Amino acid sequence: MAKGMSTEARKKDTREKIELGGLIVKAGLRYEKRALLLGLLIEAGKRIKGDEAERARLTTIGAEAFGNDRE
């Protein structure tokens, strides 16, 4: 963390990291190795660059997963 970062900025950064970790849990990947998780994210990042159809497909999957929370 950068020196001199305000308390509010640190809180915001921490909250964001917690939320991102929650996505890993929601995806059912809690017990996977960190190297695998990072590899998945790197690969996904490459796949969606310049591929709007893939981006839309994955966004739909994610939106449906969030929608299932409300049931």
PDB file of N, CA and C in Angstrom:
ATOM      1  N   MET A   1       0.843  -1.169   0.000  1.00  0.00           N
ATOM      2  CA  MET A   1       0.000   0.000   0.000  1.00  0.00           C
ATOM      3  C   MET A   1       0.890   1.235   0.000  1.00  0.00           C
ATOM      4  N   ALA A   2       0.510   2.224  -0.746  1.00  0.00           N
ATOM      5  CA  ALA A   2       1.330   3.429  -0.865  1.00  0.00           C
ATOM      6  C   ALA A   2       1.344   4.213   0.433  1.00  0.00           C
ATOM      7  N   LYS A   3       2.523   4.744   0.756  1.00  0.00           N
ATOM      8  CA  LYS A   3       2.635   5.606   1.940  1.00  0.00           C
ATOM      9  C   LYS A   3       1.791   6.844   1.725  1.00  0.00           C
ATOM     10  N   GLY A   4       1.190   7.301   2.802  1.00  0.00           N
ATOM     11  CA  GLY A   4       0.412   8.515   2.709  1.00  0.00           C
ATOM     12  C   GLY A   4      -1.001   8.307   2.181  1.00  0.00           C
ATOM     13  N   MET A   5      -1.393   7.075   1.942  1.00  0.00           N
ATOM     14  CA  MET A   5      -2.740   6.800   1.469  1.00  0.00           C
ATOM     15  C   MET A   5      -3.720   7.117   2.600  1.00  0.00           C
ATOM     16  N   SER A   6      -4.774   7.823   2.294  1.00  0.00           N
ATOM     17  CA  SER A   6      -5.727   8.228   3.321  1.00  0.00           C
ATOM     18  C   SER A   6      -6.472   7.024   3.882  1.00  0.00           C
ATOM     19  N   THR A   7      -7.028   7.202   5.057  1.00  0.00           N
ATOM     20  CA  THR A   7      -7.802   6.141   5.694  1.00  0.00           C
ATOM     21  C   THR A   7      -8.970   5.732   4.808  1.00  0.00           C
ATOM     22  N   GLU A   8      -9.648   6.702   4.235  1.00  0.00           N
ATOM     23  CA  GLU A   8     -10.789   6.395   3.358  1.00  0.00           C
ATOM     24  C   GLU A   8     -10.338   5.618   2.126  1.00  0.00           C
ATOM     25  N   ALA A   9      -9.218   5.985   1.553  1.00  0.00           N
ATOM     26  CA  ALA A   9      -8.703   5.271   0.376  1.00  0.00           C
ATOM     27  C   ALA A   9      -8.337   3.833   0.744  1.00  0.00           C
ATOM     28  N   ARG A  10      -7.743   3.636   1.915  1.00  0.00           N
ATOM     29  CA  ARG A  10      -7.396   2.283   2.363  1.00  0.00           C
ATOM     30  C   ARG A  10      -8.649   1.447   2.587  1.00  0.00           C
ATOM     31  N   LYS A  11      -9.661   2.060   3.186  1.00  0.00           N
ATOM     32  CA  LYS A  11     -10.923   1.343   3.420  1.00  0.00           C
ATOM     33  C   LYS A  11     -11.564   0.937   2.095  1.00  0.00           C
ATOM     34  N   LYS A  12     -11.559   1.854   1.134  1.00  0.00           N
ATOM     35  CA  LYS A  12     -12.140   1.570  -0.181  1.00  0.00           C
ATOM     36  C   LYS A  12     -11.373   0.433  -0.862  1.00  0.00           C
ATOM     37  N   ASP A  13     -10.036   0.475  -0.785  1.00  0.00           N
ATOM     38  CA  ASP A  13      -9.196  -0.552  -1.383  1.00  0.00           C
ATOM     39  C   ASP A  13      -9.462  -1.911  -0.729  1.00  0.00           C
ATOM     40  N   THR A  14      -9.555  -1.916   0.576  1.00  0.00           N
ATOM     41  CA  THR A  14      -9.815  -3.169   1.304  1.00  0.00           C
ATOM     42  C   THR A  14     -11.181  -3.721   0.934  1.00  0.00           C
ATOM     43  N   ARG A  15     -12.196  -2.880   0.875  1.00  0.00           N
ATOM     44  CA  ARG A  15     -13.559  -3.309   0.538  1.00  0.00           C
ATOM     45  C   ARG A  15     -13.582  -3.930  -0.866  1.00  0.00           C
ATOM     46  N   GLU A  16     -12.890  -3.288  -1.798  1.00  0.00           N
ATOM     47  CA  GLU A  16     -12.848  -3.793  -3.172  1.00  0.00           C
ATOM     48  C   GLU A  16     -12.200  -5.176  -3.220  1.00  0.00           C
ATOM     49  N   LYS A  17     -11.126  -5.374  -2.481  1.00  0.00           N
ATOM     50  CA  LYS A  17     -10.447  -6.668  -2.456  1.00  0.00           C
ATOM     51  C   LYS A  17     -11.332  -7.736  -1.844  1.00  0.00           C
ATOM     52  N   ILE A  18     -12.068  -7.385  -0.801  1.00  0.00           N
ATOM     53  CA  ILE A  18     -12.994  -8.342  -0.188  1.00  0.00           C
ATOM     54  C   ILE A  18     -14.079  -8.738  -1.185  1.00  0.00           C
ATOM     55  N   GLU A  19     -14.615  -7.760  -1.889  1.00  0.00           N
ATOM     56  CA  GLU A  19     -15.653  -8.039  -2.884  1.00  0.00           C
ATOM     57  C   GLU A  19     -15.118  -8.934  -4.002  1.00  0.00           C
ATOM     58  N   LEU A  20     -13.898  -8.676  -4.451  1.00  0.00           N
ATOM     59  CA  LEU A  20     -13.306  -9.500  -5.506  1.00  0.00           C
ATOM     60  C   LEU A  20     -13.090 -10.934  -5.019  1.00  0.00           C
ATOM     61  N   GLY A  21     -12.671 -11.083  -3.776  1.00  0.00           N
ATOM     62  CA  GLY A  21     -12.537 -12.414  -3.197  1.00  0.00           C
ATOM     63  C   GLY A  21     -13.872 -13.130  -3.135  1.00  0.00           C
ATOM     64  N   GLY A  22     -14.931 -12.380  -2.862  1.00  0.00           N
ATOM     65  CA  GLY A  22     -16.270 -12.954  -2.832  1.00  0.00           C
ATOM     66  C   GLY A  22     -16.689 -13.519  -4.181  1.00  0.00           C
ATOM     67  N   LEU A  23     -16.196 -12.910  -5.238  1.00  0.00           N
ATOM     68  CA  LEU A  23     -16.504 -13.433  -6.578  1.00  0.00           C
ATOM     69  C   LEU A  23     -15.883 -14.806  -6.781  1.00  0.00           C
ATOM     70  N   ILE A  24     -14.687 -14.996  -6.264  1.00  0.00           N
ATOM     71  CA  ILE A  24     -14.026 -16.306  -6.358  1.00  0.00           C
ATOM     72  C   ILE A  24     -14.861 -17.352  -5.635  1.00  0.00           C
ATOM     73  N   VAL A  25     -15.346 -17.005  -4.453  1.00  0.00           N
ATOM     74  CA  VAL A  25     -16.182 -17.921  -3.675  1.00  0.00           C
ATOM     75  C   VAL A  25     -17.476 -18.210  -4.430  1.00  0.00           C
ATOM     76  N   LYS A  26     -18.131 -17.168  -4.936  1.00  0.00           N
ATOM     77  CA  LYS A  26     -19.394 -17.330  -5.652  1.00  0.00           C
ATOM     78  C   LYS A  26     -19.239 -18.210  -6.881  1.00  0.00           C
ATOM     79  N   ALA A  27     -18.083 -18.146  -7.512  1.00  0.00           N
ATOM     80  CA  ALA A  27     -17.825 -18.966  -8.700  1.00  0.00           C
ATOM     81  C   ALA A  27     -17.523 -20.418  -8.346  1.00  0.00           C
ATOM     82  N   GLY A  28     -17.454 -20.732  -7.048  1.00  0.00           N
ATOM     83  CA  GLY A  28     -17.190 -22.104  -6.633  1.00  0.00           C
ATOM     84  C   GLY A  28     -15.721 -22.475  -6.688  1.00  0.00           C
ATOM     85  N   LEU A  29     -14.854 -21.471  -6.629  1.00  0.00           N
ATOM     86  CA  LEU A  29     -13.417 -21.710  -6.787  1.00  0.00           C
ATOM     87  C   LEU A  29     -12.627 -21.460  -5.507  1.00  0.00           C
ATOM     88  N   ARG A  30     -13.296 -21.426  -4.384  1.00  0.00           N
ATOM     89  CA  ARG A  30     -12.665 -21.093  -3.102  1.00  0.00           C
ATOM     90  C   ARG A  30     -11.445 -21.952  -2.806  1.00  0.00           C
ATOM     91  N   TYR A  31     -11.470 -23.221  -3.122  1.00  0.00           N
ATOM     92  CA  TYR A  31     -10.406 -24.133  -2.710  1.00  0.00           C
ATOM     93  C   TYR A  31      -9.375 -24.422  -3.807  1.00  0.00           C
ATOM     94  N   GLU A  32      -9.470 -23.679  -4.899  1.00  0.00           N
ATOM     95  CA  GLU A  32      -8.490 -23.860  -5.975  1.00  0.00           C
ATOM     96  C   GLU A  32      -7.193 -23.140  -5.614  1.00  0.00           C
ATOM     97  N   LYS A  33      -6.108 -23.609  -6.205  1.00  0.00           N
ATOM     98  CA  LYS A  33      -4.809 -22.978  -5.963  1.00  0.00           C
ATOM     99  C   LYS A  33      -4.782 -21.581  -6.566  1.00  0.00           C
ATOM    100  N   ARG A  34      -4.074 -20.701  -5.888  1.00  0.00           N
ATOM    101  CA  ARG A  34      -3.973 -19.312  -6.348  1.00  0.00           C
ATOM    102  C   ARG A  34      -3.395 -19.215  -7.750  1.00  0.00           C
ATOM    103  N   ALA A  35      -2.422 -20.064  -8.072  1.00  0.00           N
ATOM    104  CA  ALA A  35      -1.820 -20.018  -9.408  1.00  0.00           C
ATOM    105  C   ALA A  35      -2.866 -20.351 -10.473  1.00  0.00           C
ATOM    106  N   LEU A  36      -3.741 -21.306 -10.187  1.00  0.00           N
ATOM    107  CA  LEU A  36      -4.807 -21.650 -11.129  1.00  0.00           C
ATOM    108  C   LEU A  36      -5.758 -20.470 -11.307  1.00  0.00           C
ATOM    109  N   LEU A  37      -6.163 -19.863 -10.196  1.00  0.00           N
ATOM    110  CA  LEU A  37      -7.076 -18.721 -10.266  1.00  0.00           C
ATOM    111  C   LEU A  37      -6.476 -17.588 -11.090  1.00  0.00           C
ATOM    112  N   LEU A  38      -5.225 -17.291 -10.845  1.00  0.00           N
ATOM    113  CA  LEU A  38      -4.572 -16.221 -11.600  1.00  0.00           C
ATOM    114  C   LEU A  38      -4.493 -16.593 -13.078  1.00  0.00           C
ATOM    115  N   GLY A  39      -4.170 -17.835 -13.367  1.00  0.00           N
ATOM    116  CA  GLY A  39      -4.123 -18.289 -14.752  1.00  0.00           C
ATOM    117  C   GLY A  39      -5.469 -18.158 -15.448  1.00  0.00           C
ATOM    118  N   LEU A  40      -6.531 -18.524 -14.737  1.00  0.00           N
ATOM    119  CA  LEU A  40      -7.876 -18.387 -15.301  1.00  0.00           C
ATOM    120  C   LEU A  40      -8.186 -16.930 -15.626  1.00  0.00           C
ATOM    121  N   LEU A  41      -7.846 -16.052 -14.698  1.00  0.00           N
ATOM    122  CA  LEU A  41      -8.134 -14.631 -14.910  1.00  0.00           C
ATOM    123  C   LEU A  41      -7.304 -14.040 -16.042  1.00  0.00           C
ATOM    124  N   ILE A  42      -6.049 -14.426 -16.126  1.00  0.00           N
ATOM    125  CA  ILE A  42      -5.192 -13.943 -17.221  1.00  0.00           C
ATOM    126  C   ILE A  42      -5.731 -14.431 -18.561  1.00  0.00           C
ATOM    127  N   GLU A  43      -6.084 -15.699 -18.623  1.00  0.00           N
ATOM    128  CA  GLU A  43      -6.629 -16.266 -19.862  1.00  0.00           C
ATOM    129  C   GLU A  43      -7.939 -15.584 -20.249  1.00  0.00           C
ATOM    130  N   ALA A  44      -8.807 -15.379 -19.274  1.00  0.00           N
ATOM    131  CA  ALA A  44     -10.083 -14.711 -19.561  1.00  0.00           C
ATOM    132  C   ALA A  44      -9.847 -13.291 -20.058  1.00  0.00           C
ATOM    133  N   GLY A  45      -8.891 -12.603 -19.444  1.00  0.00           N
ATOM    134  CA  GLY A  45      -8.575 -11.251 -19.896  1.00  0.00           C
ATOM    135  C   GLY A  45      -8.138 -11.223 -21.350  1.00  0.00           C
ATOM    136  N   LYS A  46      -7.336 -12.199 -21.740  1.00  0.00           N
ATOM    137  CA  LYS A  46      -6.892 -12.283 -23.139  1.00  0.00           C
ATOM    138  C   LYS A  46      -8.062 -12.592 -24.063  1.00  0.00           C
ATOM    139  N   ARG A  47      -8.954 -13.477 -23.617  1.00  0.00           N
ATOM    140  CA  ARG A  47     -10.070 -13.908 -24.467  1.00  0.00           C
ATOM    141  C   ARG A  47     -11.061 -12.792 -24.739  1.00  0.00           C
ATOM    142  N   ILE A  48     -11.252 -11.888 -23.784  1.00  0.00           N
ATOM    143  CA  ILE A  48     -12.265 -10.848 -23.987  1.00  0.00           C
ATOM    144  C   ILE A  48     -11.731  -9.610 -24.701  1.00  0.00           C
ATOM    145  N   LYS A  49     -10.411  -9.490 -24.798  1.00  0.00           N
ATOM    146  CA  LYS A  49      -9.849  -8.330 -25.505  1.00  0.00           C
ATOM    147  C   LYS A  49     -10.203  -8.419 -26.989  1.00  0.00           C
ATOM    148  N   GLY A  50     -10.945  -7.454 -27.435  1.00  0.00           N
ATOM    149  CA  GLY A  50     -11.295  -7.403 -28.851  1.00  0.00           C
ATOM    150  C   GLY A  50     -12.350  -8.398 -29.281  1.00  0.00           C
ATOM    151  N   ASP A  51     -12.944  -9.120 -28.340  1.00  0.00           N
ATOM    152  CA  ASP A  51     -13.972 -10.104 -28.683  1.00  0.00           C
ATOM    153  C   ASP A  51     -15.246  -9.751 -27.925  1.00  0.00           C
ATOM    154  N   GLU A  52     -16.023  -8.874 -28.519  1.00  0.00           N
ATOM    155  CA  GLU A  52     -17.240  -8.397 -27.856  1.00  0.00           C
ATOM    156  C   GLU A  52     -18.259  -9.517 -27.652  1.00  0.00           C
ATOM    157  N   ALA A  53     -18.282 -10.501 -28.538  1.00  0.00           N
ATOM    158  CA  ALA A  53     -19.219 -11.612 -28.382  1.00  0.00           C
ATOM    159  C   ALA A  53     -18.870 -12.436 -27.137  1.00  0.00           C
ATOM    160  N   GLU A  54     -17.585 -12.686 -26.939  1.00  0.00           N
ATOM    161  CA  GLU A  54     -17.153 -13.440 -25.759  1.00  0.00           C
ATOM    162  C   GLU A  54     -17.404 -12.634 -24.493  1.00  0.00           C
ATOM    163  N   ARG A  55     -17.135 -11.349 -24.548  1.00  0.00           N
ATOM    164  CA  ARG A  55     -17.392 -10.467 -23.401  1.00  0.00           C
ATOM    165  C   ARG A  55     -18.880 -10.501 -23.045  1.00  0.00           C
ATOM    166  N   ALA A  56     -19.735 -10.408 -24.045  1.00  0.00           N
ATOM    167  CA  ALA A  56     -21.179 -10.425 -23.809  1.00  0.00           C
ATOM    168  C   ALA A  56     -21.628 -11.776 -23.251  1.00  0.00           C
ATOM    169  N   ARG A  57     -21.084 -12.853 -23.789  1.00  0.00           N
ATOM    170  CA  ARG A  57     -21.441 -14.196 -23.326  1.00  0.00           C
ATOM    171  C   ARG A  57     -21.088 -14.372 -21.850  1.00  0.00           C
ATOM    172  N   LEU A  58     -19.887 -13.967 -21.479  1.00  0.00           N
ATOM    173  CA  LEU A  58     -19.454 -14.111 -20.091  1.00  0.00           C
ATOM    174  C   LEU A  58     -20.210 -13.163 -19.163  1.00  0.00           C
ATOM    175  N   THR A  59     -20.539 -11.984 -19.657  1.00  0.00           N
ATOM    176  CA  THR A  59     -21.324 -11.044 -18.862  1.00  0.00           C
ATOM    177  C   THR A  59     -22.708 -11.619 -18.570  1.00  0.00           C
ATOM    178  N   THR A  60     -23.296 -12.272 -19.544  1.00  0.00           N
ATOM    179  CA  THR A  60     -24.610 -12.901 -19.355  1.00  0.00           C
ATOM    180  C   THR A  60     -24.536 -13.992 -18.297  1.00  0.00           C
ATOM    181  N   ILE A  61     -23.505 -14.812 -18.357  1.00  0.00           N
ATOM    182  CA  ILE A  61     -23.327 -15.868 -17.360  1.00  0.00           C
ATOM    183  C   ILE A  61     -23.211 -15.259 -15.959  1.00  0.00           C
ATOM    184  N   GLY A  62     -22.411 -14.218 -15.829  1.00  0.00           N
ATOM    185  CA  GLY A  62     -22.237 -13.568 -14.535  1.00  0.00           C
ATOM    186  C   GLY A  62     -23.508 -12.915 -14.033  1.00  0.00           C
ATOM    187  N   ALA A  63     -24.223 -12.239 -14.924  1.00  0.00           N
ATOM    188  CA  ALA A  63     -25.473 -11.579 -14.534  1.00  0.00           C
ATOM    189  C   ALA A  63     -26.491 -12.606 -14.059  1.00  0.00           C
ATOM    190  N   GLU A  64     -26.549 -13.745 -14.727  1.00  0.00           N
ATOM    191  CA  GLU A  64     -27.468 -14.807 -14.304  1.00  0.00           C
ATOM    192  C   GLU A  64     -27.078 -15.340 -12.925  1.00  0.00           C
ATOM    193  N   ALA A  65     -25.797 -15.472 -12.663  1.00  0.00           N
ATOM    194  CA  ALA A  65     -25.346 -15.947 -11.358  1.00  0.00           C
ATOM    195  C   ALA A  65     -25.715 -14.948 -10.263  1.00  0.00           C
ATOM    196  N   PHE A  66     -25.564 -13.663 -10.530  1.00  0.00           N
ATOM    197  CA  PHE A  66     -25.983 -12.656  -9.558  1.00  0.00           C
ATOM    198  C   PHE A  66     -27.489 -12.675  -9.370  1.00  0.00           C
ATOM    199  N   GLY A  67     -28.231 -12.884 -10.456  1.00  0.00           N
ATOM    200  CA  GLY A  67     -29.687 -12.944 -10.383  1.00  0.00           C
ATOM    201  C   GLY A  67     -30.174 -14.085  -9.524  1.00  0.00           C
ATOM    202  N   ASN A  68     -29.424 -15.172  -9.497  1.00  0.00           N
ATOM    203  CA  ASN A  68     -29.806 -16.327  -8.678  1.00  0.00           C
ATOM    204  C   ASN A  68     -29.731 -16.032  -7.193  1.00  0.00           C
ATOM    205  N   ASP A  69     -29.025 -14.965  -6.802  1.00  0.00           N
ATOM    206  CA  ASP A  69     -28.932 -14.580  -5.392  1.00  0.00           C
ATOM    207  C   ASP A  69     -30.289 -14.123  -4.864  1.00  0.00           C
ATOM    208  N   ARG A  70     -31.099 -13.608  -5.736  1.00  0.00           N
ATOM    209  CA  ARG A  70     -32.368 -12.977  -5.310  1.00  0.00           C
ATOM    210  C   ARG A  70     -33.474 -13.993  -5.139  1.00  0.00           C
ATOM    211  N   GLU A  71     -33.258 -15.218  -5.562  1.00  0.00           N
ATOM    212  CA  GLU A  71     -34.305 -16.247  -5.490  1.00  0.00           C
ATOM    213  C   GLU A  71     -34.300 -16.906  -4.136  1.00  0.00           C
TER     214      GLU A  71
END
